[in-house]
C-alpha cells in the first residue's frame, strides 16, 4: 500500500496541489479524476517520481520513502499519454529494451515480451514498427512495455485520450485484466464513464 499525505505543489505563484492525501491500495485500481487543469497529471507525475512535490510524505508498506526511490526499485511503472514508443525499434525491442538495460538476459526479456504480447493479443505484431500500429495497438504495446519490468504499481496518464470512443471498452477490459493479475493501478482520466468501469475507488482533484 502506498500512502500520500499532505502533498503540495506549486508552479511559480500557481498552487496546483494543496494538502492532497490519498491511499493507493494493493491490487486495486484507483482513478484520479477532475476537470482539466486541476492537477491530475501533476499528481500522477509526482507519484511516478517524474516531478518533485514541494512538501508531503510518502509511505510504502508502512515505511517512509520517496517516489524516486520507488521508481528506482522498480515498484512503479508508467504508461504515458502519448505512448512514447521508440519509432526506430520493433514492438519486441520496445518491450525488451528496459529489462535488458536492467541486466536481464536477452533470452529472458524476449520470453517475457512474447508472453505479454500473446496476453494482449499482439503476438503477430512483434516485428512491426510503431508507425504501422493503430492507436489501440500502441496503447497495448505501451502497457506491455511497462509490465515487462514487473512493477507493483502501474500508472496510466489519460489512457483513452488518444483513442476512438469505440476503443474505450477494450482499454477498460485491458486495465481490468491487468488488475486481475494482481497489479495495483492508478488511472488519471477526465472520462467519468471510463473511470467507473475500471476503478475500485476514485480520488477527485479540484482546482
N, C-alpha and C. Protein backbone atom coordinates (compact mmCIF):
# COMPACT_ATOMS: atom_id res chain seq x y z
N UNK A 1 0.85 -1.20 0.00
CA UNK A 1 0.00 0.00 0.00
C UNK A 1 0.88 1.24 0.00
N UNK A 2 0.51 2.18 -0.86
CA UNK A 2 1.24 3.44 -0.94
C UNK A 2 0.33 4.56 -0.43
N UNK A 3 0.83 5.31 0.53
CA UNK A 3 0.06 6.42 1.09
C UNK A 3 0.75 7.75 0.78
N UNK A 4 -0.03 8.70 0.31
CA UNK A 4 0.44 10.06 0.10
C UNK A 4 -0.24 10.95 1.14
N UNK A 5 0.54 11.74 1.85
CA UNK A 5 -0.02 12.57 2.91
C UNK A 5 0.42 14.02 2.74
N UNK A 6 -0.59 14.89 2.64
CA UNK A 6 -0.37 16.33 2.60
C UNK A 6 0.62 16.75 1.53
N UNK A 7 0.35 16.31 0.30
CA UNK A 7 1.21 16.64 -0.83
C UNK A 7 0.85 18.04 -1.35
N UNK A 8 1.88 18.85 -1.50
CA UNK A 8 1.70 20.20 -2.02
C UNK A 8 2.62 20.44 -3.21
N UNK A 9 2.09 21.18 -4.20
CA UNK A 9 2.90 21.52 -5.36
C UNK A 9 2.40 22.84 -5.94
N UNK A 10 3.35 23.73 -6.21
CA UNK A 10 3.02 24.96 -6.91
C UNK A 10 4.03 25.18 -8.02
N UNK A 11 3.59 25.86 -9.06
CA UNK A 11 4.46 26.30 -10.14
C UNK A 11 4.43 27.82 -10.13
N UNK A 12 5.57 28.42 -9.77
CA UNK A 12 5.64 29.87 -9.57
C UNK A 12 4.58 30.29 -8.54
N UNK A 13 3.65 31.14 -8.93
CA UNK A 13 2.64 31.61 -7.98
C UNK A 13 1.36 30.78 -8.01
N UNK A 14 1.32 29.77 -8.86
CA UNK A 14 0.10 28.99 -9.01
C UNK A 14 0.15 27.73 -8.13
N UNK A 15 -0.81 27.61 -7.23
CA UNK A 15 -0.93 26.41 -6.40
C UNK A 15 -1.65 25.35 -7.23
N UNK A 16 -0.97 24.24 -7.48
CA UNK A 16 -1.55 23.17 -8.29
C UNK A 16 -2.17 22.09 -7.41
N UNK A 17 -1.47 21.70 -6.35
CA UNK A 17 -1.97 20.70 -5.42
C UNK A 17 -1.80 21.23 -4.01
N UNK A 18 -2.84 21.10 -3.19
CA UNK A 18 -2.78 21.60 -1.82
C UNK A 18 -3.26 20.53 -0.86
N UNK A 19 -2.35 20.07 0.00
CA UNK A 19 -2.67 19.12 1.07
C UNK A 19 -3.42 17.89 0.54
N UNK A 20 -2.90 17.31 -0.54
CA UNK A 20 -3.52 16.12 -1.11
C UNK A 20 -3.09 14.89 -0.32
N UNK A 21 -4.06 14.13 0.15
CA UNK A 21 -3.80 12.87 0.84
C UNK A 21 -4.64 11.78 0.19
N UNK A 22 -4.00 10.71 -0.22
CA UNK A 22 -4.70 9.63 -0.90
C UNK A 22 -3.97 8.32 -0.65
N UNK A 23 -4.73 7.23 -0.56
CA UNK A 23 -4.17 5.91 -0.34
C UNK A 23 -4.38 5.05 -1.58
N UNK A 24 -3.30 4.41 -2.03
CA UNK A 24 -3.35 3.51 -3.18
C UNK A 24 -3.28 2.09 -2.64
N UNK A 25 -4.39 1.39 -2.67
CA UNK A 25 -4.48 0.07 -2.05
C UNK A 25 -3.96 -1.01 -2.97
N UNK A 26 -3.36 -2.03 -2.37
CA UNK A 26 -2.78 -3.14 -3.12
C UNK A 26 -3.84 -3.85 -3.96
N UNK A 27 -3.46 -4.16 -5.20
CA UNK A 27 -4.26 -4.96 -6.11
C UNK A 27 -5.63 -4.34 -6.40
N UNK A 28 -5.70 -3.01 -6.28
CA UNK A 28 -6.90 -2.27 -6.62
C UNK A 28 -6.57 -1.24 -7.69
N UNK A 29 -7.60 -0.70 -8.31
CA UNK A 29 -7.42 0.37 -9.30
C UNK A 29 -8.02 1.65 -8.75
N UNK A 30 -7.18 2.67 -8.65
CA UNK A 30 -7.61 3.99 -8.21
C UNK A 30 -7.69 4.90 -9.43
N UNK A 31 -8.83 5.56 -9.60
CA UNK A 31 -8.97 6.56 -10.67
C UNK A 31 -8.83 7.95 -10.07
N UNK A 32 -7.94 8.75 -10.64
CA UNK A 32 -7.80 10.15 -10.26
C UNK A 32 -8.55 10.96 -11.31
N UNK A 33 -9.60 11.66 -10.86
CA UNK A 33 -10.48 12.36 -11.78
C UNK A 33 -10.54 13.84 -11.40
N UNK A 34 -11.12 14.61 -12.30
CA UNK A 34 -11.25 16.04 -12.04
C UNK A 34 -11.20 16.82 -13.34
N UNK A 35 -11.54 18.10 -13.29
CA UNK A 35 -11.57 18.92 -14.51
C UNK A 35 -10.18 19.15 -15.08
N UNK A 36 -10.13 19.55 -16.33
CA UNK A 36 -8.87 19.88 -16.99
C UNK A 36 -8.18 21.00 -16.23
N UNK A 37 -6.88 20.85 -16.00
CA UNK A 37 -6.11 21.87 -15.32
C UNK A 37 -6.16 21.79 -13.81
N UNK A 38 -6.80 20.75 -13.27
CA UNK A 38 -6.93 20.63 -11.82
C UNK A 38 -5.68 20.05 -11.15
N UNK A 39 -4.79 19.47 -11.95
CA UNK A 39 -3.56 18.92 -11.39
C UNK A 39 -3.49 17.40 -11.37
N UNK A 40 -4.37 16.74 -12.12
CA UNK A 40 -4.39 15.27 -12.14
C UNK A 40 -3.06 14.70 -12.63
N UNK A 41 -2.59 15.19 -13.77
CA UNK A 41 -1.35 14.67 -14.34
C UNK A 41 -0.15 15.04 -13.47
N UNK A 42 -0.19 16.23 -12.87
CA UNK A 42 0.89 16.61 -11.95
C UNK A 42 0.97 15.64 -10.78
N UNK A 43 -0.19 15.26 -10.23
CA UNK A 43 -0.21 14.29 -9.13
C UNK A 43 0.35 12.96 -9.59
N UNK A 44 -0.03 12.52 -10.79
CA UNK A 44 0.49 11.26 -11.31
C UNK A 44 2.01 11.33 -11.48
N UNK A 45 2.50 12.44 -12.01
CA UNK A 45 3.94 12.58 -12.22
C UNK A 45 4.69 12.62 -10.88
N UNK A 46 4.06 13.15 -9.86
CA UNK A 46 4.69 13.13 -8.53
C UNK A 46 4.76 11.70 -8.01
N UNK A 47 3.69 10.94 -8.15
CA UNK A 47 3.70 9.54 -7.73
C UNK A 47 4.76 8.77 -8.49
N UNK A 48 4.93 9.10 -9.78
CA UNK A 48 5.90 8.39 -10.62
C UNK A 48 7.33 8.81 -10.36
N UNK A 49 7.53 9.87 -9.60
CA UNK A 49 8.90 10.36 -9.37
C UNK A 49 9.44 11.19 -10.50
N UNK A 50 8.56 11.66 -11.38
CA UNK A 50 8.99 12.48 -12.52
C UNK A 50 8.94 13.97 -12.20
N UNK A 51 8.11 14.34 -11.23
CA UNK A 51 8.01 15.71 -10.74
C UNK A 51 8.10 15.67 -9.22
N UNK A 52 8.88 16.56 -8.65
CA UNK A 52 9.05 16.57 -7.19
C UNK A 52 7.95 17.37 -6.52
N UNK A 53 7.39 16.82 -5.44
CA UNK A 53 6.44 17.58 -4.63
C UNK A 53 7.21 18.63 -3.84
N UNK A 54 6.56 19.75 -3.53
CA UNK A 54 7.19 20.77 -2.69
C UNK A 54 7.25 20.32 -1.24
N UNK A 55 6.24 19.57 -0.81
CA UNK A 55 6.22 19.04 0.55
C UNK A 55 5.24 17.89 0.60
N UNK A 56 5.32 17.10 1.66
CA UNK A 56 4.43 15.97 1.84
C UNK A 56 5.20 14.71 2.17
N UNK A 57 4.46 13.66 2.50
CA UNK A 57 5.05 12.40 2.95
C UNK A 57 4.55 11.25 2.10
N UNK A 58 5.45 10.30 1.81
CA UNK A 58 5.12 9.10 1.05
C UNK A 58 5.46 7.89 1.92
N UNK A 59 4.51 6.98 2.06
CA UNK A 59 4.71 5.80 2.90
C UNK A 59 4.38 4.56 2.08
N UNK A 60 5.37 3.69 1.95
CA UNK A 60 5.20 2.45 1.18
C UNK A 60 5.26 1.27 2.15
N UNK A 61 4.15 0.56 2.27
CA UNK A 61 4.06 -0.58 3.18
C UNK A 61 4.57 -0.25 4.58
N UNK A 62 4.16 0.92 5.06
CA UNK A 62 4.46 1.31 6.43
C UNK A 62 5.79 2.02 6.64
N UNK A 63 6.58 2.16 5.56
CA UNK A 63 7.89 2.78 5.67
C UNK A 63 7.95 4.06 4.85
N UNK A 64 8.51 5.12 5.43
CA UNK A 64 8.68 6.37 4.69
C UNK A 64 9.60 6.15 3.49
N UNK A 65 9.27 6.77 2.37
CA UNK A 65 10.06 6.60 1.16
C UNK A 65 9.90 7.84 0.28
N UNK A 66 10.41 7.77 -0.93
CA UNK A 66 10.22 8.81 -1.92
C UNK A 66 9.80 8.16 -3.24
N UNK A 67 9.04 8.86 -4.07
CA UNK A 67 8.68 8.29 -5.37
C UNK A 67 9.91 7.93 -6.21
N UNK A 68 10.96 8.75 -6.12
CA UNK A 68 12.17 8.45 -6.89
C UNK A 68 12.76 7.10 -6.48
N UNK A 69 12.74 6.82 -5.19
CA UNK A 69 13.25 5.55 -4.70
C UNK A 69 12.37 4.39 -5.16
N UNK A 70 11.07 4.60 -5.14
CA UNK A 70 10.15 3.55 -5.59
C UNK A 70 10.37 3.23 -7.06
N UNK A 71 10.59 4.27 -7.85
CA UNK A 71 10.82 4.03 -9.28
C UNK A 71 12.16 3.33 -9.49
N UNK A 72 13.16 3.74 -8.74
CA UNK A 72 14.48 3.10 -8.84
C UNK A 72 14.40 1.63 -8.48
N UNK A 73 13.55 1.32 -7.50
CA UNK A 73 13.40 -0.07 -7.04
C UNK A 73 12.47 -0.89 -7.93
N UNK A 74 11.92 -0.27 -8.97
CA UNK A 74 11.05 -0.99 -9.88
C UNK A 74 9.64 -1.20 -9.38
N UNK A 75 9.26 -0.46 -8.34
CA UNK A 75 7.91 -0.60 -7.80
C UNK A 75 6.88 0.01 -8.74
N UNK A 76 7.25 1.10 -9.41
CA UNK A 76 6.31 1.88 -10.21
C UNK A 76 6.65 1.81 -11.70
N UNK A 77 5.62 1.60 -12.51
CA UNK A 77 5.74 1.68 -13.95
C UNK A 77 4.75 2.71 -14.47
N UNK A 78 5.03 3.27 -15.65
CA UNK A 78 4.20 4.34 -16.19
C UNK A 78 3.84 4.06 -17.65
N UNK A 79 2.55 4.24 -17.96
CA UNK A 79 2.09 4.23 -19.35
C UNK A 79 1.74 5.68 -19.69
N UNK A 80 2.54 6.30 -20.54
CA UNK A 80 2.39 7.72 -20.84
C UNK A 80 1.23 7.97 -21.81
N UNK A 81 0.70 9.18 -21.76
CA UNK A 81 -0.44 9.53 -22.59
C UNK A 81 -0.11 9.39 -24.08
N UNK A 82 1.09 9.78 -24.48
CA UNK A 82 1.46 9.70 -25.88
C UNK A 82 2.16 8.41 -26.26
N UNK A 83 2.11 7.43 -25.36
CA UNK A 83 2.69 6.10 -25.53
C UNK A 83 4.22 6.09 -25.46
N UNK A 84 4.88 7.10 -26.09
CA UNK A 84 6.33 7.24 -26.00
C UNK A 84 7.09 6.00 -26.49
N UNK A 85 6.58 5.35 -27.52
CA UNK A 85 7.29 4.21 -28.10
C UNK A 85 8.45 4.71 -28.95
N UNK A 86 9.52 3.92 -29.01
CA UNK A 86 10.67 4.28 -29.85
C UNK A 86 10.34 3.93 -31.30
N UNK A 87 10.25 4.92 -32.19
CA UNK A 87 9.81 4.65 -33.56
C UNK A 87 10.77 3.80 -34.37
N UNK A 88 12.05 3.82 -33.98
CA UNK A 88 13.06 3.08 -34.74
C UNK A 88 13.24 1.65 -34.27
N UNK A 89 12.46 1.23 -33.26
CA UNK A 89 12.56 -0.13 -32.73
C UNK A 89 11.27 -0.89 -33.00
N UNK A 90 11.41 -2.19 -33.22
CA UNK A 90 10.22 -3.02 -33.38
C UNK A 90 9.46 -3.09 -32.06
N UNK A 91 8.25 -3.59 -32.13
CA UNK A 91 7.45 -3.78 -30.93
C UNK A 91 8.21 -4.63 -29.91
N UNK A 92 8.78 -5.73 -30.36
CA UNK A 92 9.51 -6.62 -29.46
C UNK A 92 10.67 -5.89 -28.79
N UNK A 93 11.43 -5.13 -29.55
CA UNK A 93 12.58 -4.42 -28.99
C UNK A 93 12.16 -3.28 -28.08
N UNK A 94 11.02 -2.66 -28.37
CA UNK A 94 10.49 -1.64 -27.46
C UNK A 94 10.25 -2.23 -26.08
N UNK A 95 9.79 -3.47 -26.05
CA UNK A 95 9.43 -4.10 -24.79
C UNK A 95 10.65 -4.67 -24.06
N UNK A 96 11.62 -5.17 -24.81
CA UNK A 96 12.77 -5.82 -24.17
C UNK A 96 13.88 -4.86 -23.78
N UNK A 97 13.88 -3.64 -24.30
CA UNK A 97 15.00 -2.72 -24.08
C UNK A 97 15.25 -2.45 -22.60
N UNK A 98 14.23 -2.00 -21.89
CA UNK A 98 14.42 -1.62 -20.48
C UNK A 98 14.84 -2.81 -19.60
N UNK A 99 14.18 -3.97 -19.71
CA UNK A 99 14.64 -5.11 -18.90
C UNK A 99 16.09 -5.49 -19.16
N UNK A 100 16.51 -5.41 -20.42
CA UNK A 100 17.90 -5.75 -20.74
C UNK A 100 18.86 -4.71 -20.17
N UNK A 101 18.45 -3.44 -20.20
CA UNK A 101 19.30 -2.40 -19.61
C UNK A 101 19.44 -2.59 -18.10
N UNK A 102 18.45 -3.25 -17.51
CA UNK A 102 18.50 -3.52 -16.07
C UNK A 102 19.17 -4.85 -15.74
N UNK A 103 19.75 -5.49 -16.75
CA UNK A 103 20.55 -6.67 -16.50
C UNK A 103 19.90 -8.00 -16.85
N UNK A 104 18.68 -7.97 -17.35
CA UNK A 104 18.03 -9.22 -17.73
C UNK A 104 18.64 -9.74 -19.03
N UNK A 105 18.74 -11.03 -19.15
CA UNK A 105 19.31 -11.60 -20.37
C UNK A 105 18.36 -11.37 -21.55
N UNK A 106 18.92 -11.34 -22.73
CA UNK A 106 18.10 -11.13 -23.92
C UNK A 106 17.06 -12.22 -24.06
N UNK A 107 17.44 -13.46 -23.77
CA UNK A 107 16.51 -14.58 -23.90
C UNK A 107 15.34 -14.44 -22.93
N UNK A 108 15.64 -14.11 -21.69
CA UNK A 108 14.58 -13.97 -20.68
C UNK A 108 13.66 -12.78 -21.01
N UNK A 109 14.28 -11.67 -21.45
CA UNK A 109 13.49 -10.50 -21.80
C UNK A 109 12.58 -10.80 -22.99
N UNK A 110 13.09 -11.53 -23.95
CA UNK A 110 12.29 -11.88 -25.13
C UNK A 110 11.15 -12.81 -24.75
N UNK A 111 11.44 -13.79 -23.90
CA UNK A 111 10.39 -14.73 -23.48
C UNK A 111 9.25 -13.99 -22.78
N UNK A 112 9.61 -13.08 -21.88
CA UNK A 112 8.60 -12.31 -21.16
C UNK A 112 7.82 -11.41 -22.11
N UNK A 113 8.51 -10.77 -23.05
CA UNK A 113 7.85 -9.88 -24.00
C UNK A 113 6.85 -10.65 -24.87
N UNK A 114 7.25 -11.81 -25.35
CA UNK A 114 6.36 -12.61 -26.20
C UNK A 114 5.15 -13.10 -25.40
N UNK A 115 5.37 -13.40 -24.14
CA UNK A 115 4.26 -13.81 -23.27
C UNK A 115 3.26 -12.66 -23.12
N UNK A 116 3.78 -11.45 -22.88
CA UNK A 116 2.90 -10.28 -22.73
C UNK A 116 2.18 -9.98 -24.03
N UNK A 117 2.88 -10.06 -25.14
CA UNK A 117 2.24 -9.79 -26.43
C UNK A 117 1.11 -10.78 -26.70
N UNK A 118 1.32 -12.03 -26.33
CA UNK A 118 0.26 -13.03 -26.50
C UNK A 118 -0.93 -12.69 -25.62
N UNK A 119 -0.65 -12.32 -24.37
CA UNK A 119 -1.73 -11.97 -23.44
C UNK A 119 -2.54 -10.79 -23.94
N UNK A 120 -1.87 -9.86 -24.64
CA UNK A 120 -2.53 -8.64 -25.10
C UNK A 120 -2.97 -8.72 -26.56
N UNK A 121 -3.00 -9.94 -27.10
CA UNK A 121 -3.47 -10.17 -28.46
C UNK A 121 -2.64 -9.40 -29.49
N UNK A 122 -1.32 -9.41 -29.27
CA UNK A 122 -0.41 -8.71 -30.18
C UNK A 122 0.72 -9.62 -30.67
N UNK A 123 0.54 -10.91 -30.54
CA UNK A 123 1.62 -11.85 -30.88
C UNK A 123 2.09 -11.68 -32.32
N UNK A 124 1.18 -11.30 -33.21
CA UNK A 124 1.54 -11.17 -34.63
C UNK A 124 2.17 -9.82 -34.96
N UNK A 125 2.36 -8.96 -33.95
CA UNK A 125 2.94 -7.64 -34.18
C UNK A 125 4.35 -7.49 -33.62
N UNK A 126 4.97 -8.58 -33.19
CA UNK A 126 6.27 -8.49 -32.53
C UNK A 126 7.32 -7.81 -33.39
N UNK A 127 7.29 -8.04 -34.70
CA UNK A 127 8.30 -7.48 -35.60
C UNK A 127 7.84 -6.20 -36.30
N UNK A 128 6.67 -5.70 -35.92
CA UNK A 128 6.15 -4.48 -36.53
C UNK A 128 6.80 -3.26 -35.88
N UNK A 129 6.75 -2.14 -36.59
CA UNK A 129 7.23 -0.86 -36.05
C UNK A 129 6.03 -0.01 -35.63
N UNK A 130 6.21 0.88 -34.67
CA UNK A 130 5.08 1.65 -34.14
C UNK A 130 4.25 2.38 -35.19
N UNK A 131 4.88 2.89 -36.27
CA UNK A 131 4.13 3.67 -37.25
C UNK A 131 3.02 2.85 -37.91
N UNK A 132 3.16 1.52 -37.91
CA UNK A 132 2.18 0.67 -38.59
C UNK A 132 1.04 0.23 -37.68
N UNK A 133 1.09 0.63 -36.41
CA UNK A 133 0.10 0.17 -35.44
C UNK A 133 -1.05 1.17 -35.30
N UNK A 134 -2.21 0.66 -34.95
CA UNK A 134 -3.34 1.52 -34.62
C UNK A 134 -3.14 2.11 -33.23
N UNK A 135 -3.97 3.09 -32.89
CA UNK A 135 -3.88 3.69 -31.56
C UNK A 135 -4.08 2.67 -30.46
N UNK A 136 -5.04 1.78 -30.64
CA UNK A 136 -5.28 0.75 -29.64
C UNK A 136 -4.11 -0.20 -29.50
N UNK A 137 -3.47 -0.55 -30.62
CA UNK A 137 -2.31 -1.43 -30.56
C UNK A 137 -1.13 -0.74 -29.87
N UNK A 138 -0.92 0.54 -30.17
CA UNK A 138 0.16 1.28 -29.50
C UNK A 138 -0.08 1.32 -27.99
N UNK A 139 -1.34 1.50 -27.60
CA UNK A 139 -1.68 1.52 -26.18
C UNK A 139 -1.29 0.20 -25.52
N UNK A 140 -1.61 -0.91 -26.18
CA UNK A 140 -1.30 -2.22 -25.62
C UNK A 140 0.21 -2.47 -25.58
N UNK A 141 0.93 -2.01 -26.58
CA UNK A 141 2.38 -2.15 -26.57
C UNK A 141 2.97 -1.35 -25.41
N UNK A 142 2.46 -0.13 -25.19
CA UNK A 142 2.95 0.69 -24.09
C UNK A 142 2.70 0.01 -22.74
N UNK A 143 1.54 -0.64 -22.61
CA UNK A 143 1.23 -1.35 -21.38
C UNK A 143 2.15 -2.57 -21.24
N UNK A 144 2.37 -3.30 -22.33
CA UNK A 144 3.28 -4.45 -22.28
C UNK A 144 4.68 -4.02 -21.88
N UNK A 145 5.13 -2.89 -22.42
CA UNK A 145 6.48 -2.40 -22.09
C UNK A 145 6.58 -2.08 -20.60
N UNK A 146 5.54 -1.47 -20.05
CA UNK A 146 5.56 -1.17 -18.62
C UNK A 146 5.51 -2.44 -17.79
N UNK A 147 4.68 -3.40 -18.19
CA UNK A 147 4.54 -4.64 -17.43
C UNK A 147 5.79 -5.52 -17.51
N UNK A 148 6.59 -5.33 -18.54
CA UNK A 148 7.81 -6.14 -18.69
C UNK A 148 8.78 -5.93 -17.53
N UNK A 149 8.66 -4.81 -16.85
CA UNK A 149 9.53 -4.52 -15.70
C UNK A 149 8.91 -5.01 -14.39
N UNK A 150 7.76 -5.70 -14.50
CA UNK A 150 7.08 -6.28 -13.33
C UNK A 150 6.84 -5.27 -12.21
N UNK A 151 6.26 -4.11 -12.52
CA UNK A 151 6.00 -3.12 -11.46
C UNK A 151 4.88 -3.61 -10.54
N UNK A 152 4.93 -3.16 -9.29
CA UNK A 152 3.83 -3.46 -8.37
C UNK A 152 2.70 -2.46 -8.53
N UNK A 153 3.04 -1.25 -8.98
CA UNK A 153 2.03 -0.21 -9.22
C UNK A 153 2.21 0.30 -10.65
N UNK A 154 1.13 0.27 -11.42
CA UNK A 154 1.19 0.75 -12.81
C UNK A 154 0.33 2.00 -12.93
N UNK A 155 0.94 3.07 -13.46
CA UNK A 155 0.28 4.36 -13.60
C UNK A 155 -0.07 4.62 -15.06
N UNK A 156 -1.29 5.12 -15.30
CA UNK A 156 -1.73 5.46 -16.66
C UNK A 156 -2.12 6.94 -16.70
N UNK A 157 -1.61 7.67 -17.67
CA UNK A 157 -1.99 9.07 -17.85
C UNK A 157 -2.96 9.16 -19.02
N UNK A 158 -4.24 9.40 -18.72
CA UNK A 158 -5.29 9.56 -19.72
C UNK A 158 -5.23 8.46 -20.80
N UNK A 159 -5.44 7.21 -20.41
CA UNK A 159 -5.24 6.10 -21.36
C UNK A 159 -6.22 6.07 -22.52
N UNK A 160 -7.34 6.81 -22.45
CA UNK A 160 -8.29 6.79 -23.57
C UNK A 160 -8.26 8.07 -24.40
N UNK A 161 -7.41 9.02 -24.04
CA UNK A 161 -7.48 10.33 -24.70
C UNK A 161 -7.11 10.29 -26.18
N UNK A 162 -6.24 9.38 -26.57
CA UNK A 162 -5.79 9.33 -27.96
C UNK A 162 -6.54 8.27 -28.77
N UNK A 163 -7.59 7.70 -28.17
CA UNK A 163 -8.28 6.59 -28.82
C UNK A 163 -9.68 6.98 -29.27
N UNK A 164 -10.17 6.29 -30.28
CA UNK A 164 -11.55 6.47 -30.70
C UNK A 164 -12.48 6.01 -29.57
N UNK A 165 -13.65 6.64 -29.44
CA UNK A 165 -14.57 6.27 -28.37
C UNK A 165 -14.91 4.78 -28.34
N UNK A 166 -14.98 4.14 -29.52
CA UNK A 166 -15.36 2.73 -29.53
C UNK A 166 -14.27 1.82 -28.99
N UNK A 167 -13.07 2.37 -28.74
CA UNK A 167 -12.00 1.56 -28.16
C UNK A 167 -11.96 1.68 -26.63
N UNK A 168 -12.80 2.55 -26.08
CA UNK A 168 -12.81 2.78 -24.64
C UNK A 168 -13.01 1.49 -23.85
N UNK A 169 -13.99 0.70 -24.29
CA UNK A 169 -14.31 -0.52 -23.55
C UNK A 169 -13.18 -1.53 -23.63
N UNK A 170 -12.50 -1.58 -24.77
CA UNK A 170 -11.40 -2.53 -24.88
C UNK A 170 -10.25 -2.15 -23.95
N UNK A 171 -10.02 -0.84 -23.78
CA UNK A 171 -9.00 -0.39 -22.84
C UNK A 171 -9.44 -0.69 -21.41
N UNK A 172 -10.71 -0.48 -21.13
CA UNK A 172 -11.23 -0.80 -19.79
C UNK A 172 -11.06 -2.29 -19.49
N UNK A 173 -11.36 -3.13 -20.48
CA UNK A 173 -11.18 -4.57 -20.29
C UNK A 173 -9.73 -4.91 -20.01
N UNK A 174 -8.83 -4.21 -20.71
CA UNK A 174 -7.41 -4.45 -20.54
C UNK A 174 -6.94 -4.05 -19.14
N UNK A 175 -7.35 -2.86 -18.70
CA UNK A 175 -6.99 -2.40 -17.35
C UNK A 175 -7.51 -3.37 -16.30
N UNK A 176 -8.73 -3.84 -16.49
CA UNK A 176 -9.31 -4.78 -15.53
C UNK A 176 -8.59 -6.12 -15.55
N UNK A 177 -8.12 -6.55 -16.71
CA UNK A 177 -7.39 -7.82 -16.79
C UNK A 177 -6.03 -7.72 -16.11
N UNK A 178 -5.39 -6.54 -16.22
CA UNK A 178 -4.12 -6.33 -15.53
C UNK A 178 -4.33 -6.36 -14.01
N UNK A 179 -5.42 -5.77 -13.55
CA UNK A 179 -5.74 -5.82 -12.12
C UNK A 179 -5.95 -7.26 -11.66
N UNK A 180 -6.62 -8.06 -12.49
CA UNK A 180 -6.89 -9.45 -12.15
C UNK A 180 -5.60 -10.25 -11.97
N UNK A 181 -4.52 -9.77 -12.61
CA UNK A 181 -3.22 -10.43 -12.47
C UNK A 181 -2.48 -9.99 -11.22
N UNK A 182 -3.09 -9.08 -10.43
CA UNK A 182 -2.52 -8.69 -9.15
C UNK A 182 -1.77 -7.37 -9.14
N UNK A 183 -1.84 -6.62 -10.24
CA UNK A 183 -1.13 -5.35 -10.31
C UNK A 183 -1.99 -4.22 -9.77
N UNK A 184 -1.43 -3.42 -8.89
CA UNK A 184 -2.08 -2.21 -8.41
C UNK A 184 -2.00 -1.15 -9.50
N UNK A 185 -3.08 -0.39 -9.71
CA UNK A 185 -3.10 0.56 -10.81
C UNK A 185 -3.67 1.91 -10.38
N UNK A 186 -3.13 2.96 -11.01
CA UNK A 186 -3.64 4.32 -10.83
C UNK A 186 -3.90 4.89 -12.22
N UNK A 187 -5.12 5.33 -12.45
CA UNK A 187 -5.52 5.83 -13.76
C UNK A 187 -5.95 7.29 -13.64
N UNK A 188 -5.26 8.17 -14.35
CA UNK A 188 -5.70 9.57 -14.46
C UNK A 188 -6.61 9.67 -15.68
N UNK A 189 -7.81 10.20 -15.47
CA UNK A 189 -8.74 10.31 -16.59
C UNK A 189 -9.74 11.44 -16.35
N UNK A 190 -10.20 12.05 -17.45
CA UNK A 190 -11.29 13.02 -17.37
C UNK A 190 -12.60 12.36 -17.74
N UNK A 191 -12.53 11.08 -18.13
CA UNK A 191 -13.68 10.34 -18.63
C UNK A 191 -14.33 9.58 -17.47
N UNK A 192 -15.42 10.12 -16.94
CA UNK A 192 -16.05 9.52 -15.77
C UNK A 192 -16.63 8.14 -16.06
N UNK A 193 -17.16 7.94 -17.26
CA UNK A 193 -17.69 6.62 -17.60
C UNK A 193 -16.57 5.58 -17.58
N UNK A 194 -15.42 5.95 -18.14
CA UNK A 194 -14.28 5.04 -18.13
C UNK A 194 -13.82 4.78 -16.70
N UNK A 195 -13.75 5.84 -15.91
CA UNK A 195 -13.32 5.69 -14.51
C UNK A 195 -14.22 4.71 -13.77
N UNK A 196 -15.52 4.83 -13.97
CA UNK A 196 -16.46 3.94 -13.28
C UNK A 196 -16.31 2.50 -13.73
N UNK A 197 -15.85 2.29 -14.96
CA UNK A 197 -15.74 0.92 -15.47
C UNK A 197 -14.46 0.22 -15.02
N UNK A 198 -13.50 0.98 -14.49
CA UNK A 198 -12.23 0.34 -14.09
C UNK A 198 -11.89 0.52 -12.61
N UNK A 199 -12.46 1.54 -11.96
CA UNK A 199 -11.95 1.93 -10.64
C UNK A 199 -12.65 1.21 -9.50
N UNK A 200 -11.85 0.81 -8.51
CA UNK A 200 -12.39 0.36 -7.23
C UNK A 200 -12.69 1.56 -6.36
N UNK A 201 -11.83 2.58 -6.46
CA UNK A 201 -12.02 3.83 -5.72
C UNK A 201 -11.63 4.99 -6.63
N UNK A 202 -12.14 6.18 -6.32
CA UNK A 202 -11.77 7.37 -7.08
C UNK A 202 -11.29 8.47 -6.14
N UNK A 203 -10.42 9.30 -6.67
CA UNK A 203 -9.98 10.48 -5.94
C UNK A 203 -10.18 11.67 -6.88
N UNK A 204 -10.91 12.67 -6.42
CA UNK A 204 -11.20 13.84 -7.24
C UNK A 204 -10.27 14.98 -6.89
N UNK A 205 -9.54 15.45 -7.91
CA UNK A 205 -8.67 16.61 -7.75
C UNK A 205 -9.47 17.84 -8.14
N UNK A 206 -9.51 18.84 -7.30
CA UNK A 206 -10.27 20.05 -7.60
C UNK A 206 -9.32 21.23 -7.78
N UNK A 207 -9.77 22.19 -8.53
CA UNK A 207 -8.96 23.38 -8.76
C UNK A 207 -8.91 24.23 -7.50
